[in-house]
Amino acid sequence: MFLEAARVLKEAFERTAFPELLELLEEVYRESGTDEQILEMVGKLHNSRQRSVPSSLLFAKLLYQCDRLDEVSKVLDKVKLPAGSTKFPMAILGSEDKGQQMTEVWSDLYHALRYLIAVRQERSEDALQEAKPLLREAKILE
């Protein structure tokens, strides 16, 4: 049941690239008891020619939850955010505000994973660098 649901969501994401489908795929993965076959499906999304930042970040997040830090680092190394920016372009249907919120969510996930890996590997300087984008001054001043 879970495997078939994951397969349908994966195929739908490949056709539409709607990030909401990845959220559902993550939920199916969790409900399945972290089925390795579903993790492999998400990995195939990351490794596909139409790789997207959200699919790669979901794969990295699930690998991190499985304590596979070396694999997480390799996945994150393939994710390229524009230099000097915490934002990356992403096509999202709906309002511009929703697109901005989704962009921030995925960007925050990228930096949070980098930060957590650096902390667990006791690389304090790298951890500090990755924490900076997560602590936006504008949010504090609102």
N, C-alpha and C. Protein backbone atom coordinates (compact mmCIF):
# COMPACT_ATOMS: atom_id res chain seq x y z
N MET A 1 0.82 -1.19 0.00
CA MET A 1 0.00 0.00 0.00
C MET A 1 0.87 1.26 0.00
N PHE A 2 1.82 1.35 0.93
CA PHE A 2 2.68 2.54 1.01
C PHE A 2 3.56 2.65 -0.22
N LEU A 3 4.07 1.52 -0.67
CA LEU A 3 4.96 1.52 -1.83
C LEU A 3 4.23 2.01 -3.08
N GLU A 4 3.01 1.57 -3.26
CA GLU A 4 2.22 2.00 -4.42
C GLU A 4 1.89 3.50 -4.32
N ALA A 5 1.54 3.96 -3.13
CA ALA A 5 1.26 5.39 -2.94
C ALA A 5 2.50 6.21 -3.24
N ALA A 6 3.65 5.75 -2.78
CA ALA A 6 4.91 6.46 -3.04
C ALA A 6 5.21 6.49 -4.53
N ARG A 7 4.97 5.39 -5.21
CA ARG A 7 5.22 5.31 -6.65
C ARG A 7 4.34 6.32 -7.41
N VAL A 8 3.07 6.40 -7.03
CA VAL A 8 2.15 7.34 -7.67
C VAL A 8 2.60 8.78 -7.43
N LEU A 9 2.99 9.09 -6.20
CA LEU A 9 3.45 10.45 -5.88
C LEU A 9 4.74 10.79 -6.63
N LYS A 10 5.65 9.85 -6.71
CA LYS A 10 6.92 10.07 -7.43
C LYS A 10 6.63 10.37 -8.90
N GLU A 11 5.79 9.56 -9.52
CA GLU A 11 5.46 9.77 -10.93
C GLU A 11 4.74 11.10 -11.14
N ALA A 12 3.86 11.46 -10.23
CA ALA A 12 3.16 12.74 -10.34
C ALA A 12 4.14 13.90 -10.21
N PHE A 13 5.11 13.77 -9.30
CA PHE A 13 6.11 14.83 -9.15
C PHE A 13 6.96 14.94 -10.41
N GLU A 14 7.32 13.81 -11.00
CA GLU A 14 8.12 13.84 -12.23
C GLU A 14 7.38 14.56 -13.36
N ARG A 15 6.07 14.44 -13.39
CA ARG A 15 5.27 15.10 -14.43
C ARG A 15 5.01 16.57 -14.14
N THR A 16 4.84 16.92 -12.86
CA THR A 16 4.37 18.27 -12.53
C THR A 16 5.38 19.14 -11.80
N ALA A 17 6.30 18.54 -11.06
CA ALA A 17 7.29 19.25 -10.23
C ALA A 17 6.65 20.07 -9.11
N PHE A 18 5.44 19.69 -8.67
CA PHE A 18 4.80 20.40 -7.55
C PHE A 18 5.47 19.97 -6.25
N PRO A 19 6.09 20.90 -5.50
CA PRO A 19 6.77 20.55 -4.25
C PRO A 19 5.84 19.93 -3.20
N GLU A 20 4.55 20.24 -3.28
CA GLU A 20 3.60 19.67 -2.33
C GLU A 20 3.57 18.15 -2.42
N LEU A 21 3.84 17.62 -3.60
CA LEU A 21 3.88 16.16 -3.77
C LEU A 21 5.04 15.55 -3.00
N LEU A 22 6.14 16.29 -2.90
CA LEU A 22 7.28 15.80 -2.11
C LEU A 22 6.92 15.74 -0.63
N GLU A 23 6.15 16.71 -0.17
CA GLU A 23 5.71 16.69 1.23
C GLU A 23 4.87 15.45 1.50
N LEU A 24 3.99 15.12 0.56
CA LEU A 24 3.17 13.92 0.71
C LEU A 24 4.02 12.65 0.64
N LEU A 25 5.01 12.66 -0.24
CA LEU A 25 5.91 11.52 -0.36
C LEU A 25 6.69 11.31 0.94
N GLU A 26 7.11 12.39 1.56
CA GLU A 26 7.80 12.29 2.85
C GLU A 26 6.87 11.71 3.92
N GLU A 27 5.62 12.13 3.89
CA GLU A 27 4.64 11.62 4.86
C GLU A 27 4.41 10.12 4.65
N VAL A 28 4.32 9.68 3.41
CA VAL A 28 4.15 8.25 3.11
C VAL A 28 5.37 7.48 3.59
N TYR A 29 6.55 8.05 3.39
CA TYR A 29 7.79 7.41 3.84
C TYR A 29 7.76 7.19 5.36
N ARG A 30 7.37 8.24 6.08
CA ARG A 30 7.31 8.13 7.55
C ARG A 30 6.26 7.11 8.00
N GLU A 31 5.08 7.18 7.37
CA GLU A 31 4.00 6.27 7.73
C GLU A 31 4.36 4.81 7.43
N SER A 32 5.23 4.61 6.45
CA SER A 32 5.63 3.25 6.06
C SER A 32 6.60 2.63 7.06
N GLY A 33 7.08 3.44 7.99
CA GLY A 33 8.10 2.95 8.92
C GLY A 33 9.48 3.09 8.32
N THR A 34 9.66 4.10 7.49
CA THR A 34 10.92 4.40 6.79
C THR A 34 11.36 3.25 5.88
N ASP A 35 10.49 2.90 4.96
CA ASP A 35 10.73 1.85 3.98
C ASP A 35 11.92 2.22 3.08
N GLU A 36 12.91 1.36 3.01
CA GLU A 36 14.12 1.60 2.22
C GLU A 36 13.78 1.75 0.73
N GLN A 37 12.77 1.05 0.24
CA GLN A 37 12.40 1.17 -1.17
C GLN A 37 11.86 2.56 -1.49
N ILE A 38 11.16 3.15 -0.55
CA ILE A 38 10.65 4.51 -0.77
C ILE A 38 11.81 5.49 -0.75
N LEU A 39 12.76 5.28 0.15
CA LEU A 39 13.96 6.12 0.17
C LEU A 39 14.69 6.03 -1.17
N GLU A 40 14.77 4.84 -1.73
CA GLU A 40 15.41 4.66 -3.04
C GLU A 40 14.65 5.43 -4.13
N MET A 41 13.32 5.47 -4.05
CA MET A 41 12.53 6.23 -5.02
C MET A 41 12.88 7.72 -4.96
N VAL A 42 12.99 8.23 -3.74
CA VAL A 42 13.35 9.64 -3.57
C VAL A 42 14.77 9.86 -4.10
N GLY A 43 15.65 8.90 -3.87
CA GLY A 43 17.00 8.99 -4.40
C GLY A 43 17.02 9.02 -5.92
N LYS A 44 16.12 8.29 -6.55
CA LYS A 44 16.04 8.32 -8.02
C LYS A 44 15.59 9.69 -8.51
N LEU A 45 14.72 10.35 -7.76
CA LEU A 45 14.33 11.72 -8.12
C LEU A 45 15.55 12.63 -8.07
N HIS A 46 16.35 12.47 -7.02
CA HIS A 46 17.56 13.28 -6.88
C HIS A 46 18.54 13.01 -8.02
N ASN A 47 18.66 11.76 -8.42
CA ASN A 47 19.64 11.38 -9.45
C ASN A 47 19.12 11.52 -10.88
N SER A 48 17.87 11.91 -11.05
CA SER A 48 17.31 12.01 -12.39
C SER A 48 17.88 13.21 -13.14
N ARG A 49 17.69 13.20 -14.45
CA ARG A 49 18.16 14.32 -15.26
C ARG A 49 17.40 15.59 -14.95
N GLN A 50 16.16 15.46 -14.49
CA GLN A 50 15.36 16.63 -14.15
C GLN A 50 15.45 16.96 -12.66
N ARG A 51 16.60 16.70 -12.08
CA ARG A 51 16.80 16.92 -10.65
C ARG A 51 16.33 18.33 -10.26
N SER A 52 15.66 18.40 -9.13
CA SER A 52 15.23 19.70 -8.61
C SER A 52 15.82 19.88 -7.21
N VAL A 53 15.96 21.12 -6.82
CA VAL A 53 16.48 21.41 -5.49
C VAL A 53 15.59 20.78 -4.41
N PRO A 54 14.26 20.93 -4.48
CA PRO A 54 13.43 20.31 -3.44
C PRO A 54 13.57 18.80 -3.35
N SER A 55 13.65 18.10 -4.48
CA SER A 55 13.77 16.63 -4.40
C SER A 55 15.12 16.23 -3.82
N SER A 56 16.17 16.95 -4.17
CA SER A 56 17.49 16.66 -3.61
C SER A 56 17.51 16.92 -2.11
N LEU A 57 16.87 18.01 -1.69
CA LEU A 57 16.86 18.34 -0.26
C LEU A 57 16.01 17.36 0.54
N LEU A 58 14.92 16.89 -0.04
CA LEU A 58 14.13 15.87 0.65
C LEU A 58 14.96 14.60 0.82
N PHE A 59 15.66 14.20 -0.22
CA PHE A 59 16.51 13.01 -0.15
C PHE A 59 17.57 13.19 0.94
N ALA A 60 18.21 14.36 0.98
CA ALA A 60 19.23 14.63 2.00
C ALA A 60 18.62 14.57 3.40
N LYS A 61 17.43 15.13 3.56
CA LYS A 61 16.77 15.13 4.87
C LYS A 61 16.48 13.70 5.33
N LEU A 62 15.96 12.87 4.44
CA LEU A 62 15.65 11.49 4.80
C LEU A 62 16.92 10.70 5.12
N LEU A 63 17.98 10.94 4.36
CA LEU A 63 19.26 10.29 4.65
C LEU A 63 19.78 10.73 6.02
N TYR A 64 19.64 12.02 6.33
CA TYR A 64 20.09 12.53 7.63
C TYR A 64 19.32 11.84 8.75
N GLN A 65 18.03 11.65 8.57
CA GLN A 65 17.22 10.99 9.59
C GLN A 65 17.64 9.54 9.78
N CYS A 66 18.26 8.96 8.76
CA CYS A 66 18.78 7.58 8.85
C CYS A 66 20.23 7.57 9.32
N ASP A 67 20.76 8.74 9.68
CA ASP A 67 22.13 8.89 10.19
C ASP A 67 23.18 8.49 9.15
N ARG A 68 22.92 8.82 7.89
CA ARG A 68 23.85 8.52 6.80
C ARG A 68 24.50 9.83 6.35
N LEU A 69 25.34 10.38 7.25
CA LEU A 69 25.89 11.72 7.07
C LEU A 69 26.76 11.87 5.83
N ASP A 70 27.57 10.87 5.51
CA ASP A 70 28.42 10.97 4.33
C ASP A 70 27.59 11.10 3.06
N GLU A 71 26.52 10.34 3.00
CA GLU A 71 25.64 10.41 1.83
C GLU A 71 24.92 11.76 1.77
N VAL A 72 24.54 12.28 2.93
CA VAL A 72 23.89 13.59 2.98
C VAL A 72 24.82 14.65 2.41
N SER A 73 26.08 14.62 2.83
CA SER A 73 27.05 15.59 2.34
C SER A 73 27.20 15.52 0.83
N LYS A 74 27.23 14.32 0.28
CA LYS A 74 27.36 14.16 -1.17
C LYS A 74 26.15 14.74 -1.90
N VAL A 75 24.97 14.51 -1.36
CA VAL A 75 23.76 15.05 -1.98
C VAL A 75 23.79 16.57 -1.92
N LEU A 76 24.12 17.12 -0.76
CA LEU A 76 24.13 18.58 -0.60
C LEU A 76 25.20 19.24 -1.47
N ASP A 77 26.29 18.53 -1.71
CA ASP A 77 27.34 19.08 -2.58
C ASP A 77 26.83 19.28 -4.01
N LYS A 78 25.81 18.54 -4.40
CA LYS A 78 25.24 18.67 -5.75
C LYS A 78 24.18 19.76 -5.83
N VAL A 79 23.73 20.25 -4.67
CA VAL A 79 22.74 21.32 -4.64
C VAL A 79 23.49 22.64 -4.69
N LYS A 80 23.16 23.45 -5.68
CA LYS A 80 23.86 24.72 -5.86
C LYS A 80 22.91 25.89 -5.63
N LEU A 81 23.17 26.63 -4.59
CA LEU A 81 22.44 27.87 -4.34
C LEU A 81 23.27 29.00 -4.91
N PRO A 82 22.64 30.07 -5.40
CA PRO A 82 23.41 31.20 -5.91
C PRO A 82 24.34 31.76 -4.84
N ALA A 83 25.55 32.12 -5.22
CA ALA A 83 26.53 32.66 -4.28
C ALA A 83 26.00 33.94 -3.63
N GLY A 84 26.24 34.05 -2.33
CA GLY A 84 25.83 35.25 -1.60
C GLY A 84 24.33 35.37 -1.40
N SER A 85 23.64 34.29 -1.57
CA SER A 85 22.19 34.34 -1.44
C SER A 85 21.68 33.11 -0.71
N THR A 86 20.59 33.29 0.00
CA THR A 86 19.94 32.14 0.62
C THR A 86 18.72 31.75 -0.20
N LYS A 87 18.55 32.37 -1.34
CA LYS A 87 17.38 32.12 -2.18
C LYS A 87 17.80 31.41 -3.45
N PHE A 88 16.89 30.65 -4.01
CA PHE A 88 17.11 30.03 -5.30
C PHE A 88 15.81 30.07 -6.07
N PRO A 89 15.88 30.14 -7.39
CA PRO A 89 14.65 30.22 -8.18
C PRO A 89 13.89 28.91 -8.14
N MET A 90 12.58 29.01 -8.10
CA MET A 90 11.78 27.81 -8.08
C MET A 90 10.41 28.15 -8.65
N ALA A 91 9.96 27.37 -9.58
CA ALA A 91 8.64 27.60 -10.18
C ALA A 91 7.58 27.03 -9.26
N ILE A 92 6.71 27.89 -8.77
CA ILE A 92 5.63 27.45 -7.88
C ILE A 92 4.34 28.07 -8.41
N LEU A 93 3.34 27.24 -8.55
CA LEU A 93 2.05 27.78 -8.94
C LEU A 93 1.39 28.39 -7.71
N GLY A 94 0.60 29.40 -7.94
CA GLY A 94 -0.07 30.04 -6.81
C GLY A 94 0.45 31.44 -6.60
N SER A 95 0.23 31.95 -5.42
CA SER A 95 0.60 33.34 -5.14
C SER A 95 2.11 33.50 -5.03
N GLU A 96 2.55 34.72 -5.26
CA GLU A 96 3.97 35.02 -5.14
C GLU A 96 4.44 34.83 -3.69
N ASP A 97 3.59 35.19 -2.73
CA ASP A 97 3.95 35.01 -1.32
C ASP A 97 4.19 33.54 -0.99
N LYS A 98 3.34 32.67 -1.51
CA LYS A 98 3.52 31.24 -1.25
C LYS A 98 4.83 30.76 -1.86
N GLY A 99 5.14 31.23 -3.06
CA GLY A 99 6.41 30.86 -3.69
C GLY A 99 7.59 31.30 -2.85
N GLN A 100 7.52 32.51 -2.30
CA GLN A 100 8.59 33.02 -1.44
C GLN A 100 8.71 32.18 -0.18
N GLN A 101 7.57 31.82 0.42
CA GLN A 101 7.60 30.99 1.63
C GLN A 101 8.21 29.63 1.34
N MET A 102 7.85 29.01 0.22
CA MET A 102 8.41 27.70 -0.13
C MET A 102 9.91 27.81 -0.37
N THR A 103 10.33 28.87 -1.04
CA THR A 103 11.74 29.07 -1.30
C THR A 103 12.51 29.16 0.01
N GLU A 104 11.98 29.91 0.96
CA GLU A 104 12.64 30.04 2.26
C GLU A 104 12.68 28.71 3.00
N VAL A 105 11.62 27.94 2.91
CA VAL A 105 11.58 26.64 3.58
C VAL A 105 12.68 25.74 3.05
N TRP A 106 12.81 25.64 1.73
CA TRP A 106 13.83 24.76 1.15
C TRP A 106 15.23 25.30 1.40
N SER A 107 15.40 26.62 1.34
CA SER A 107 16.70 27.22 1.62
C SER A 107 17.09 26.98 3.07
N ASP A 108 16.15 27.16 3.98
CA ASP A 108 16.42 26.91 5.39
C ASP A 108 16.79 25.45 5.64
N LEU A 109 16.11 24.53 4.95
CA LEU A 109 16.42 23.11 5.10
C LEU A 109 17.85 22.83 4.63
N TYR A 110 18.24 23.42 3.53
CA TYR A 110 19.60 23.24 3.01
C TYR A 110 20.63 23.67 4.06
N HIS A 111 20.48 24.88 4.58
CA HIS A 111 21.45 25.39 5.55
C HIS A 111 21.36 24.65 6.89
N ALA A 112 20.17 24.25 7.29
CA ALA A 112 20.03 23.49 8.54
C ALA A 112 20.74 22.15 8.45
N LEU A 113 20.60 21.47 7.34
CA LEU A 113 21.29 20.18 7.17
C LEU A 113 22.80 20.38 7.17
N ARG A 114 23.27 21.40 6.46
CA ARG A 114 24.71 21.69 6.44
C ARG A 114 25.21 22.01 7.86
N TYR A 115 24.44 22.80 8.59
CA TYR A 115 24.79 23.16 9.96
C TYR A 115 24.86 21.92 10.85
N LEU A 116 23.83 21.09 10.80
CA LEU A 116 23.79 19.90 11.66
C LEU A 116 24.92 18.92 11.36
N ILE A 117 25.25 18.77 10.10
CA ILE A 117 26.37 17.89 9.74
C ILE A 117 27.67 18.45 10.28
N ALA A 118 27.88 19.75 10.13
CA ALA A 118 29.10 20.37 10.64
C ALA A 118 29.20 20.22 12.15
N VAL A 119 28.10 20.39 12.85
CA VAL A 119 28.10 20.23 14.31
C VAL A 119 28.44 18.80 14.69
N ARG A 120 27.81 17.84 14.03
CA ARG A 120 28.05 16.43 14.36
C ARG A 120 29.47 16.00 14.01
N GLN A 121 30.08 16.67 13.04
CA GLN A 121 31.46 16.35 12.67
C GLN A 121 32.46 17.26 13.38
N GLU A 122 31.95 18.05 14.33
CA GLU A 122 32.76 18.94 15.15
C GLU A 122 33.59 19.93 14.31
N ARG A 123 32.95 20.50 13.31
CA ARG A 123 33.56 21.54 12.48
C ARG A 123 32.86 22.86 12.82
N SER A 124 33.30 23.48 13.91
CA SER A 124 32.59 24.64 14.45
C SER A 124 32.58 25.84 13.50
N GLU A 125 33.66 26.07 12.78
CA GLU A 125 33.72 27.22 11.86
C GLU A 125 32.70 27.04 10.72
N ASP A 126 32.62 25.83 10.18
CA ASP A 126 31.63 25.56 9.13
C ASP A 126 30.21 25.67 9.68
N ALA A 127 30.00 25.20 10.89
CA ALA A 127 28.68 25.28 11.52
C ALA A 127 28.25 26.74 11.66
N LEU A 128 29.17 27.59 12.08
CA LEU A 128 28.88 29.01 12.23
C LEU A 128 28.49 29.63 10.88
N GLN A 129 29.21 29.29 9.83
CA GLN A 129 28.90 29.83 8.50
C GLN A 129 27.51 29.40 8.03
N GLU A 130 27.14 28.16 8.30
CA GLU A 130 25.83 27.67 7.87
C GLU A 130 24.70 28.21 8.72
N ALA A 131 25.00 28.61 9.95
CA ALA A 131 23.96 29.15 10.83
C ALA A 131 23.57 30.57 10.42
N LYS A 132 24.48 31.31 9.82
CA LYS A 132 24.21 32.71 9.48
C LYS A 132 22.95 32.89 8.62
N PRO A 133 22.77 32.14 7.54
CA PRO A 133 21.55 32.34 6.74
C PRO A 133 20.27 31.96 7.49
N LEU A 134 20.39 31.12 8.48
CA LEU A 134 19.21 30.70 9.24
C LEU A 134 18.74 31.77 10.21
N LEU A 135 19.64 32.67 10.58
CA LEU A 135 19.33 33.71 11.57
C LEU A 135 19.21 35.06 10.87
N ARG A 136 18.15 35.24 10.15
CA ARG A 136 17.96 36.49 9.40
C ARG A 136 17.54 37.61 10.34
N GLU A 137 18.27 38.70 10.29
CA GLU A 137 17.99 39.85 11.15
C GLU A 137 16.58 40.40 10.89
N ALA A 138 16.13 40.36 9.66
CA ALA A 138 14.81 40.90 9.33
C ALA A 138 13.70 40.20 10.11
N LYS A 139 13.85 38.91 10.34
CA LYS A 139 12.83 38.19 11.10
C LYS A 139 12.79 38.65 12.55
N ILE A 140 13.92 38.98 13.10
CA ILE A 140 14.00 39.43 14.49
C ILE A 140 13.39 40.82 14.65
N LEU A 141 13.57 41.67 13.64
CA LEU A 141 13.11 43.04 13.72
C LEU A 141 11.62 43.20 13.39
N GLU A 142 10.97 42.15 12.94
CA GLU A 142 9.53 42.25 12.60
C GLU A 142 8.68 42.37 13.83
